[in-house]
Amino acid sequence: MNMMHQLTITVDDNVYQALKPMVEQETIGSFLNDFMKERQKSKTTSSITALRGTLHKVDTSDLRDETDRPI
C-alpha cells in the first residue's frame, strides 16, 4: 500500500517553469519516481560482499610510517 505525502520544495524560476506543467498535468509523481529509480541504478556504492577478497589488490608500495611523511 502506497501512502501519499505532500512535499513542498523551493526551486529557482527555471526549474519552476519546467516542472509547473508536470504538476498541472499530475505527471510529476511518475517523473520523480522514474528519476529516483534511475538514480538508484547509477549509484556506485560497494557492498562488503563485492569487495571481499580484494584486499590483496591494494597497492602497498608507498606505505610509510606516519612520522616519515612530510607535513
PDB file of N, CA and C in Angstrom:
ATOM      1  N   MET A   1       0.842  -1.179   0.000  1.00  0.00           N
ATOM      2  CA  MET A   1       0.000   0.000   0.000  1.00  0.00           C
ATOM      3  C   MET A   1       0.889   1.245   0.000  1.00  0.00           C
ATOM      4  N   ASN A   2       0.705   2.107  -0.995  1.00  0.00           N
ATOM      5  CA  ASN A   2       1.464   3.349  -1.076  1.00  0.00           C
ATOM      6  C   ASN A   2       0.762   4.448  -0.312  1.00  0.00           C
ATOM      7  N   MET A   3       1.508   5.070   0.582  1.00  0.00           N
ATOM      8  CA  MET A   3       0.960   6.221   1.297  1.00  0.00           C
ATOM      9  C   MET A   3       1.306   7.472   0.507  1.00  0.00           C
ATOM     10  N   MET A   4       0.375   8.362   0.397  1.00  0.00           N
ATOM     11  CA  MET A   4       0.618   9.614  -0.303  1.00  0.00           C
ATOM     12  C   MET A   4       1.028  10.664   0.723  1.00  0.00           C
ATOM     13  N   HIS A   5       2.047  11.442   0.364  1.00  0.00           N
ATOM     14  CA  HIS A   5       2.529  12.521   1.213  1.00  0.00           C
ATOM     15  C   HIS A   5       2.625  13.782   0.377  1.00  0.00           C
ATOM     16  N   GLN A   6       2.523  14.893   1.036  1.00  0.00           N
ATOM     17  CA  GLN A   6       2.680  16.160   0.348  1.00  0.00           C
ATOM     18  C   GLN A   6       4.058  16.706   0.666  1.00  0.00           C
ATOM     19  N   LEU A   7       4.718  17.254  -0.351  1.00  0.00           N
ATOM     20  CA  LEU A   7       6.063  17.789  -0.209  1.00  0.00           C
ATOM     21  C   LEU A   7       6.099  19.173  -0.830  1.00  0.00           C
ATOM     22  N   THR A   8       6.660  20.117  -0.110  1.00  0.00           N
ATOM     23  CA  THR A   8       6.827  21.470  -0.628  1.00  0.00           C
ATOM     24  C   THR A   8       8.318  21.725  -0.793  1.00  0.00           C
ATOM     25  N   ILE A   9       8.712  22.165  -1.989  1.00  0.00           N
ATOM     26  CA  ILE A   9      10.122  22.463  -2.246  1.00  0.00           C
ATOM     27  C   ILE A   9      10.244  23.875  -2.813  1.00  0.00           C
ATOM     28  N   THR A  10      11.403  24.454  -2.637  1.00  0.00           N
ATOM     29  CA  THR A  10      11.693  25.768  -3.198  1.00  0.00           C
ATOM     30  C   THR A  10      12.724  25.586  -4.305  1.00  0.00           C
ATOM     31  N   VAL A  11      12.416  26.102  -5.487  1.00  0.00           N
ATOM     32  CA  VAL A  11      13.305  25.964  -6.641  1.00  0.00           C
ATOM     33  C   VAL A  11      13.456  27.314  -7.322  1.00  0.00           C
ATOM     34  N   ASP A  12      14.486  27.431  -8.164  1.00  0.00           N
ATOM     35  CA  ASP A  12      14.643  28.687  -8.904  1.00  0.00           C
ATOM     36  C   ASP A  12      13.612  28.748 -10.026  1.00  0.00           C
ATOM     37  N   ASP A  13      13.510  29.891 -10.661  1.00  0.00           N
ATOM     38  CA  ASP A  13      12.459  30.132 -11.645  1.00  0.00           C
ATOM     39  C   ASP A  13      12.529  29.179 -12.830  1.00  0.00           C
ATOM     40  N   ASN A  14      13.743  28.856 -13.303  1.00  0.00           N
ATOM     41  CA  ASN A  14      13.874  27.941 -14.449  1.00  0.00           C
ATOM     42  C   ASN A  14      13.323  26.559 -14.128  1.00  0.00           C
ATOM     43  N   VAL A  15      13.646  26.045 -12.958  1.00  0.00           N
ATOM     44  CA  VAL A  15      13.148  24.730 -12.552  1.00  0.00           C
ATOM     45  C   VAL A  15      11.641  24.790 -12.369  1.00  0.00           C
ATOM     46  N   TYR A  16      11.163  25.859 -11.755  1.00  0.00           N
ATOM     47  CA  TYR A  16       9.720  26.025 -11.552  1.00  0.00           C
ATOM     48  C   TYR A  16       8.982  26.001 -12.882  1.00  0.00           C
ATOM     49  N   GLN A  17       9.492  26.753 -13.858  1.00  0.00           N
ATOM     50  CA  GLN A  17       8.832  26.803 -15.163  1.00  0.00           C
ATOM     51  C   GLN A  17       8.839  25.441 -15.853  1.00  0.00           C
ATOM     52  N   ALA A  18       9.898  24.671 -15.661  1.00  0.00           N
ATOM     53  CA  ALA A  18       9.982  23.346 -16.284  1.00  0.00           C
ATOM     54  C   ALA A  18       9.049  22.346 -15.609  1.00  0.00           C
ATOM     55  N   LEU A  19       8.911  22.445 -14.285  1.00  0.00           N
ATOM     56  CA  LEU A  19       8.113  21.466 -13.546  1.00  0.00           C
ATOM     57  C   LEU A  19       6.629  21.824 -13.464  1.00  0.00           C
ATOM     58  N   LYS A  20       6.296  23.089 -13.594  1.00  0.00           N
ATOM     59  CA  LYS A  20       4.906  23.526 -13.434  1.00  0.00           C
ATOM     60  C   LYS A  20       3.923  22.756 -14.325  1.00  0.00           C
ATOM     61  N   PRO A  21       4.215  22.559 -15.624  1.00  0.00           N
ATOM     62  CA  PRO A  21       3.270  21.790 -16.449  1.00  0.00           C
ATOM     63  C   PRO A  21       3.085  20.352 -15.953  1.00  0.00           C
ATOM     64  N   MET A  22       4.146  19.752 -15.419  1.00  0.00           N
ATOM     65  CA  MET A  22       4.030  18.389 -14.903  1.00  0.00           C
ATOM     66  C   MET A  22       3.134  18.350 -13.672  1.00  0.00           C
ATOM     67  N   VAL A  23       3.228  19.375 -12.855  1.00  0.00           N
ATOM     68  CA  VAL A  23       2.358  19.454 -11.678  1.00  0.00           C
ATOM     69  C   VAL A  23       0.913  19.621 -12.128  1.00  0.00           C
ATOM     70  N   GLU A  24       0.688  20.519 -13.079  1.00  0.00           N
ATOM     71  CA  GLU A  24      -0.672  20.775 -13.575  1.00  0.00           C
ATOM     72  C   GLU A  24      -1.278  19.536 -14.239  1.00  0.00           C
ATOM     73  N   GLN A  25      -0.445  18.764 -14.935  1.00  0.00           N
ATOM     74  CA  GLN A  25      -0.929  17.565 -15.624  1.00  0.00           C
ATOM     75  C   GLN A  25      -0.887  16.332 -14.722  1.00  0.00           C
ATOM     76  N   GLU A  26      -0.442  16.545 -13.490  1.00  0.00           N
ATOM     77  CA  GLU A  26      -0.338  15.475 -12.492  1.00  0.00           C
ATOM     78  C   GLU A  26       0.565  14.336 -12.969  1.00  0.00           C
ATOM     79  N   THR A  27       1.669  14.702 -13.645  1.00  0.00           N
ATOM     80  CA  THR A  27       2.633  13.702 -14.085  1.00  0.00           C
ATOM     81  C   THR A  27       3.953  13.823 -13.327  1.00  0.00           C
ATOM     82  N   ILE A  28       4.033  14.763 -12.411  1.00  0.00           N
ATOM     83  CA  ILE A  28       5.280  14.991 -11.686  1.00  0.00           C
ATOM     84  C   ILE A  28       5.645  13.785 -10.814  1.00  0.00           C
ATOM     85  N   GLY A  29       4.638  13.118 -10.262  1.00  0.00           N
ATOM     86  CA  GLY A  29       4.900  11.955  -9.406  1.00  0.00           C
ATOM     87  C   GLY A  29       5.602  10.839 -10.161  1.00  0.00           C
ATOM     88  N   SER A  30       5.114  10.518 -11.343  1.00  0.00           N
ATOM     89  CA  SER A  30       5.740   9.447 -12.122  1.00  0.00           C
ATOM     90  C   SER A  30       7.117   9.881 -12.617  1.00  0.00           C
ATOM     91  N   PHE A  31       7.271  11.175 -12.951  1.00  0.00           N
ATOM     92  CA  PHE A  31       8.576  11.696 -13.373  1.00  0.00           C
ATOM     93  C   PHE A  31       9.602  11.540 -12.247  1.00  0.00           C
ATOM     94  N   LEU A  32       9.228  11.944 -11.038  1.00  0.00           N
ATOM     95  CA  LEU A  32      10.149  11.834  -9.904  1.00  0.00           C
ATOM     96  C   LEU A  32      10.416  10.375  -9.546  1.00  0.00           C
ATOM     97  N   ASN A  33       9.417   9.539  -9.658  1.00  0.00           N
ATOM     98  CA  ASN A  33       9.589   8.113  -9.384  1.00  0.00           C
ATOM     99  C   ASN A  33      10.600   7.509 -10.355  1.00  0.00           C
ATOM    100  N   ASP A  34      10.465   7.796 -11.643  1.00  0.00           N
ATOM    101  CA  ASP A  34      11.417   7.305 -12.646  1.00  0.00           C
ATOM    102  C   ASP A  34      12.817   7.853 -12.383  1.00  0.00           C
ATOM    103  N   PHE A  35      12.884   9.129 -12.027  1.00  0.00           N
ATOM    104  CA  PHE A  35      14.168   9.751 -11.723  1.00  0.00           C
ATOM    105  C   PHE A  35      14.860   9.036 -10.569  1.00  0.00           C
ATOM    106  N   MET A  36      14.114   8.742  -9.517  1.00  0.00           N
ATOM    107  CA  MET A  36      14.696   8.077  -8.350  1.00  0.00           C
ATOM    108  C   MET A  36      15.142   6.651  -8.684  1.00  0.00           C
ATOM    109  N   LYS A  37      14.382   5.948  -9.500  1.00  0.00           N
ATOM    110  CA  LYS A  37      14.776   4.596  -9.906  1.00  0.00           C
ATOM    111  C   LYS A  37      16.092   4.629 -10.667  1.00  0.00           C
ATOM    112  N   GLU A  38      16.225   5.574 -11.606  1.00  0.00           N
ATOM    113  CA  GLU A  38      17.463   5.690 -12.383  1.00  0.00           C
ATOM    114  C   GLU A  38      18.627   6.097 -11.492  1.00  0.00           C
ATOM    115  N   ARG A  39      18.368   6.971 -10.546  1.00  0.00           N
ATOM    116  CA  ARG A  39      19.425   7.415  -9.630  1.00  0.00           C
ATOM    117  C   ARG A  39      19.926   6.247  -8.780  1.00  0.00           C
ATOM    118  N   GLN A  40      19.016   5.387  -8.334  1.00  0.00           N
ATOM    119  CA  GLN A  40      19.406   4.226  -7.537  1.00  0.00           C
ATOM    120  C   GLN A  40      20.252   3.262  -8.366  1.00  0.00           C
ATOM    121  N   LYS A  41      19.941   3.117  -9.646  1.00  0.00           N
ATOM    122  CA  LYS A  41      20.702   2.227 -10.526  1.00  0.00           C
ATOM    123  C   LYS A  41      22.122   2.739 -10.712  1.00  0.00           C
ATOM    124  N   SER A  42      22.255   4.061 -10.829  1.00  0.00           N
ATOM    125  CA  SER A  42      23.559   4.628 -11.153  1.00  0.00           C
ATOM    126  C   SER A  42      24.453   4.839  -9.932  1.00  0.00           C
ATOM    127  N   LYS A  43      23.917   4.651  -8.749  1.00  0.00           N
ATOM    128  CA  LYS A  43      24.751   4.800  -7.557  1.00  0.00           C
ATOM    129  C   LYS A  43      25.839   3.739  -7.569  1.00  0.00           C
ATOM    130  N   THR A  44      27.030   4.131  -7.211  1.00  0.00           N
ATOM    131  CA  THR A  44      28.156   3.207  -7.237  1.00  0.00           C
ATOM    132  C   THR A  44      28.595   2.885  -5.814  1.00  0.00           C
ATOM    133  N   THR A  45      27.672   2.434  -5.023  1.00  0.00           N
ATOM    134  CA  THR A  45      28.026   2.039  -3.666  1.00  0.00           C
ATOM    135  C   THR A  45      28.492   0.594  -3.695  1.00  0.00           C
ATOM    136  N   SER A  46      29.583   0.330  -3.029  1.00  0.00           N
ATOM    137  CA  SER A  46      30.125  -1.019  -2.995  1.00  0.00           C
ATOM    138  C   SER A  46      29.687  -1.713  -1.712  1.00  0.00           C
ATOM    139  N   SER A  47      29.266  -2.913  -1.864  1.00  0.00           N
ATOM    140  CA  SER A  47      28.908  -3.685  -0.686  1.00  0.00           C
ATOM    141  C   SER A  47      30.132  -4.457  -0.213  1.00  0.00           C
ATOM    142  N   ILE A  48      30.102  -4.883   1.012  1.00  0.00           N
ATOM    143  CA  ILE A  48      31.206  -5.678   1.557  1.00  0.00           C
ATOM    144  C   ILE A  48      31.382  -6.947   0.731  1.00  0.00           C
ATOM    145  N   THR A  49      30.284  -7.547   0.320  1.00  0.00           N
ATOM    146  CA  THR A  49      30.361  -8.764  -0.480  1.00  0.00           C
ATOM    147  C   THR A  49      31.130  -8.515  -1.777  1.00  0.00           C
ATOM    148  N   ALA A  50      30.874  -7.370  -2.421  1.00  0.00           N
ATOM    149  CA  ALA A  50      31.551  -7.058  -3.680  1.00  0.00           C
ATOM    150  C   ALA A  50      33.037  -6.829  -3.471  1.00  0.00           C
ATOM    151  N   LEU A  51      33.419  -6.330  -2.293  1.00  0.00           N
ATOM    152  CA  LEU A  51      34.829  -6.030  -2.019  1.00  0.00           C
ATOM    153  C   LEU A  51      35.585  -7.200  -1.415  1.00  0.00           C
ATOM    154  N   ARG A  52      34.859  -8.199  -0.935  1.00  0.00           N
ATOM    155  CA  ARG A  52      35.503  -9.332  -0.284  1.00  0.00           C
ATOM    156  C   ARG A  52      36.517  -9.983  -1.224  1.00  0.00           C
ATOM    157  N   GLY A  53      37.715 -10.243  -0.708  1.00  0.00           N
ATOM    158  CA  GLY A  53      38.754 -10.890  -1.489  1.00  0.00           C
ATOM    159  C   GLY A  53      39.597  -9.935  -2.310  1.00  0.00           C
ATOM    160  N   THR A  54      39.396  -8.625  -2.160  1.00  0.00           N
ATOM    161  CA  THR A  54      40.146  -7.665  -2.968  1.00  0.00           C
ATOM    162  C   THR A  54      41.269  -6.995  -2.195  1.00  0.00           C
ATOM    163  N   LEU A  55      41.450  -7.327  -0.929  1.00  0.00           N
ATOM    164  CA  LEU A  55      42.488  -6.674  -0.140  1.00  0.00           C
ATOM    165  C   LEU A  55      43.872  -6.872  -0.734  1.00  0.00           C
ATOM    166  N   HIS A  56      44.116  -8.023  -1.334  1.00  0.00           N
ATOM    167  CA  HIS A  56      45.430  -8.280  -1.930  1.00  0.00           C
ATOM    168  C   HIS A  56      45.721  -7.358  -3.115  1.00  0.00           C
ATOM    169  N   LYS A  57      44.712  -6.676  -3.642  1.00  0.00           N
ATOM    170  CA  LYS A  57      44.890  -5.771  -4.773  1.00  0.00           C
ATOM    171  C   LYS A  57      45.300  -4.363  -4.331  1.00  0.00           C
ATOM    172  N   VAL A  58      45.324  -4.097  -3.026  1.00  0.00           N
ATOM    173  CA  VAL A  58      45.670  -2.775  -2.530  1.00  0.00           C
ATOM    174  C   VAL A  58      47.157  -2.527  -2.738  1.00  0.00           C
ATOM    175  N   ASP A  59      47.487  -1.373  -3.314  1.00  0.00           N
ATOM    176  CA  ASP A  59      48.888  -1.010  -3.576  1.00  0.00           C
ATOM    177  C   ASP A  59      49.538  -0.564  -2.270  1.00  0.00           C
ATOM    178  N   THR A  60      50.459  -1.351  -1.783  1.00  0.00           N
ATOM    179  CA  THR A  60      51.146  -1.037  -0.522  1.00  0.00           C
ATOM    180  C   THR A  60      52.576  -0.589  -0.766  1.00  0.00           C
ATOM    181  N   SER A  61      52.927  -0.274  -2.003  1.00  0.00           N
ATOM    182  CA  SER A  61      54.310   0.071  -2.326  1.00  0.00           C
ATOM    183  C   SER A  61      54.752   1.391  -1.701  1.00  0.00           C
ATOM    184  N   ASP A  62      53.818   2.261  -1.341  1.00  0.00           N
ATOM    185  CA  ASP A  62      54.181   3.562  -0.793  1.00  0.00           C
ATOM    186  C   ASP A  62      53.785   3.709   0.677  1.00  0.00           C
ATOM    187  N   LEU A  63      53.638   2.612   1.377  1.00  0.00           N
ATOM    188  CA  LEU A  63      53.299   2.692   2.792  1.00  0.00           C
ATOM    189  C   LEU A  63      54.511   3.135   3.586  1.00  0.00           C
ATOM    190  N   ARG A  64      54.319   4.136   4.411  1.00  0.00           N
ATOM    191  CA  ARG A  64      55.391   4.642   5.260  1.00  0.00           C
ATOM    192  C   ARG A  64      54.833   4.906   6.646  1.00  0.00           C
ATOM    193  N   ASP A  65      55.713   4.999   7.590  1.00  0.00           N
ATOM    194  CA  ASP A  65      55.307   5.367   8.935  1.00  0.00           C
ATOM    195  C   ASP A  65      54.832   6.818   8.907  1.00  0.00           C
ATOM    196  N   GLU A  66      53.886   7.130   9.732  1.00  0.00           N
ATOM    197  CA  GLU A  66      53.344   8.472   9.749  1.00  0.00           C
ATOM    198  C   GLU A  66      54.418   9.528   9.988  1.00  0.00           C
ATOM    199  N   THR A  67      55.426   9.228  10.774  1.00  0.00           N
ATOM    200  CA  THR A  67      56.475  10.200  11.072  1.00  0.00           C
ATOM    201  C   THR A  67      57.417  10.403   9.896  1.00  0.00           C
ATOM    202  N   ASP A  68      57.387   9.504   8.896  1.00  0.00           N
ATOM    203  CA  ASP A  68      58.240   9.648   7.709  1.00  0.00           C
ATOM    204  C   ASP A  68      57.639  10.579   6.653  1.00  0.00           C
ATOM    205  N   ARG A  69      56.390  10.977   6.847  1.00  0.00           N
ATOM    206  CA  ARG A  69      55.713  11.775   5.837  1.00  0.00           C
ATOM    207  C   ARG A  69      55.929  13.265   6.091  1.00  0.00           C
ATOM    208  N   PRO A  70      56.200  14.028   5.036  1.00  0.00           N
ATOM    209  CA  PRO A  70      56.330  15.492   5.208  1.00  0.00           C
ATOM    210  C   PRO A  70      54.979  16.112   5.548  1.00  0.00           C
ATOM    211  N   ILE A  71      55.014  17.124   6.334  1.00  0.00           N
ATOM    212  CA  ILE A  71      53.762  17.797   6.727  1.00  0.00           C
ATOM    213  C   ILE A  71      53.475  18.940   5.799  1.00  0.00           C
TER     214      ILE A  71
END
